[in-house]
Amino acid sequence: MINQVTERIKRRAVTVTRAELMEGTEWKRNLLEALPPNVGVEDTSRLIGRVAIYRDRWGIGDSPLPLRPAPADYEWERKSQHGNIQGLINQAASHPIRQQQPGPWPEAVTGQPSPINVGWQL
């Protein structure tokens, strides 16, 4: 059962990310405007995916801001995710040029290495 839930979460993340990469939504335009022009395509796609998953998770469909304002302190899980993603956006804006080999799709969506690529570390 846990594997089924994990697979459904991964599929949803891929679906949401693909949809947002193809659409021209206002929040995505605002996110891209906040980044310097020399941010790599891979980093930009990863950020769009992370923000899209966050917005889907928390039901943010009406805000032109990528993350909306920071959540209240009592929303600790959402606030933590908001802070992590805002940190990634700030990092991409401050260190725009990064050489990176393209990774597998799940890594681009989840930000975690694929089990296929970390087998030697186990």
Protein backbone atom coordinates (compact mmCIF):
# COMPACT_ATOMS: atom_id res chain seq x y z
CA MET A 1 0.00 0.00 0.00
CA ILE A 2 2.82 2.43 0.82
CA ASN A 3 4.41 1.71 -2.55
CA GLN A 4 1.12 2.48 -4.29
CA VAL A 5 0.79 5.80 -2.49
CA THR A 6 4.41 6.65 -3.28
CA GLU A 7 3.86 5.88 -6.96
CA ARG A 8 0.70 7.99 -7.07
CA ILE A 9 2.53 10.90 -5.48
CA LYS A 10 5.35 10.61 -8.03
CA ARG A 11 2.90 10.42 -10.94
CA ARG A 12 1.03 13.46 -9.65
CA ALA A 13 4.29 15.38 -9.30
CA VAL A 14 5.29 14.53 -12.87
CA THR A 15 1.83 15.44 -14.20
CA VAL A 16 1.74 18.78 -12.37
CA THR A 17 5.29 19.66 -13.43
CA ARG A 18 4.71 18.80 -17.07
CA ALA A 19 1.50 20.80 -17.17
CA GLU A 20 3.15 23.90 -15.70
CA LEU A 21 6.16 23.65 -17.99
CA MET A 22 3.79 23.74 -20.96
CA GLU A 23 1.42 26.48 -19.74
CA GLY A 24 2.06 30.20 -19.64
CA THR A 25 0.59 31.02 -16.24
CA GLU A 26 1.05 34.39 -14.57
CA TRP A 27 2.85 32.99 -11.53
CA LYS A 28 5.36 31.25 -13.80
CA ARG A 29 6.03 34.49 -15.69
CA ASN A 30 6.55 36.28 -12.36
CA LEU A 31 8.96 33.57 -11.22
CA LEU A 32 10.96 33.77 -14.45
CA GLU A 33 11.12 37.57 -14.18
CA ALA A 34 12.60 37.25 -10.67
CA LEU A 35 15.45 35.10 -11.99
CA PRO A 36 18.45 36.46 -13.89
CA PRO A 37 18.46 35.62 -17.61
CA ASN A 38 21.48 33.33 -17.39
CA VAL A 39 19.92 30.72 -15.08
CA GLY A 40 20.24 27.34 -16.75
CA VAL A 41 17.29 25.61 -18.35
CA GLU A 42 17.63 22.62 -16.02
CA ASP A 43 17.57 24.84 -12.92
CA THR A 44 14.65 26.86 -14.25
CA SER A 45 12.66 23.70 -15.01
CA ARG A 46 13.44 22.30 -11.57
CA LEU A 47 12.27 25.49 -9.86
CA ILE A 48 9.07 25.63 -11.89
CA GLY A 49 8.41 22.00 -10.95
CA ARG A 50 9.02 22.56 -7.25
CA VAL A 51 6.79 25.63 -7.18
CA ALA A 52 4.09 23.85 -9.20
CA ILE A 53 4.09 20.91 -6.80
CA TYR A 54 3.92 23.27 -3.81
CA ARG A 55 1.01 25.17 -5.37
CA ASP A 56 -0.81 21.93 -6.16
CA ARG A 57 -0.19 20.55 -2.66
CA TRP A 58 -1.56 23.63 -0.94
CA GLY A 59 -4.33 24.48 -3.41
CA ILE A 60 -2.86 27.77 -4.59
CA GLY A 61 -4.58 28.40 -7.88
CA ASP A 62 -5.59 32.02 -7.64
CA SER A 63 -2.38 33.86 -6.79
CA PRO A 64 -0.11 35.48 -9.38
CA LEU A 65 2.73 35.17 -6.87
CA PRO A 66 4.68 31.93 -7.26
CA LEU A 67 4.51 31.02 -3.55
CA ARG A 68 2.04 33.54 -2.11
CA PRO A 69 3.12 35.39 1.03
CA ALA A 70 4.74 33.32 3.76
CA PRO A 71 2.25 31.19 5.72
CA ALA A 72 1.45 31.81 9.37
CA ASP A 73 3.65 30.24 12.07
CA TYR A 74 1.02 27.69 13.04
CA GLU A 75 1.14 26.26 9.49
CA TRP A 76 4.54 24.71 10.26
CA GLU A 77 4.62 22.15 7.42
CA ARG A 78 3.60 24.64 4.76
CA LYS A 79 5.91 27.29 6.19
CA SER A 80 8.84 24.86 6.08
CA GLN A 81 8.15 23.95 2.45
CA HIS A 82 7.69 27.63 1.55
CA GLY A 83 11.05 28.48 3.13
CA ASN A 84 12.84 25.62 1.36
CA ILE A 85 11.52 26.58 -2.06
CA GLN A 86 12.15 30.29 -1.47
CA GLY A 87 15.72 29.35 -0.55
CA LEU A 88 16.10 27.47 -3.85
CA ILE A 89 14.79 30.48 -5.76
CA ASN A 90 17.18 32.81 -3.93
CA GLN A 91 20.08 30.42 -4.54
CA ALA A 92 19.31 30.22 -8.26
CA ALA A 93 19.12 34.00 -8.43
CA SER A 94 22.45 34.47 -6.65
CA HIS A 95 24.36 31.63 -8.37
CA PRO A 96 22.80 31.47 -11.82
CA ILE A 97 25.47 29.62 -13.78
CA ARG A 98 25.88 26.01 -12.79
CA GLN A 99 27.22 23.16 -14.85
CA GLN A 100 25.20 20.05 -14.26
CA GLN A 101 24.64 16.87 -16.17
CA PRO A 102 20.97 16.24 -16.86
CA GLY A 103 19.55 13.78 -14.38
CA PRO A 104 16.64 11.39 -14.56
CA TRP A 105 13.14 12.86 -14.54
CA PRO A 106 12.25 11.80 -10.95
CA GLU A 107 15.29 13.64 -9.63
CA ALA A 108 14.25 16.79 -11.49
CA VAL A 109 10.80 16.58 -9.96
CA THR A 110 11.55 15.46 -6.41
CA GLY A 111 14.99 16.96 -5.94
CA GLN A 112 16.22 13.62 -4.65
CA PRO A 113 18.50 11.20 -6.45
CA SER A 114 16.94 8.32 -8.26
CA PRO A 115 17.43 4.93 -6.54
CA ILE A 116 19.10 3.72 -9.73
CA ASN A 117 21.82 6.35 -9.37
CA VAL A 118 22.52 5.84 -5.66
CA GLY A 119 22.72 2.06 -5.54
CA TRP A 120 26.45 2.09 -4.98
CA GLN A 121 25.95 4.27 -1.89
CA LEU A 122 23.54 1.89 -0.20
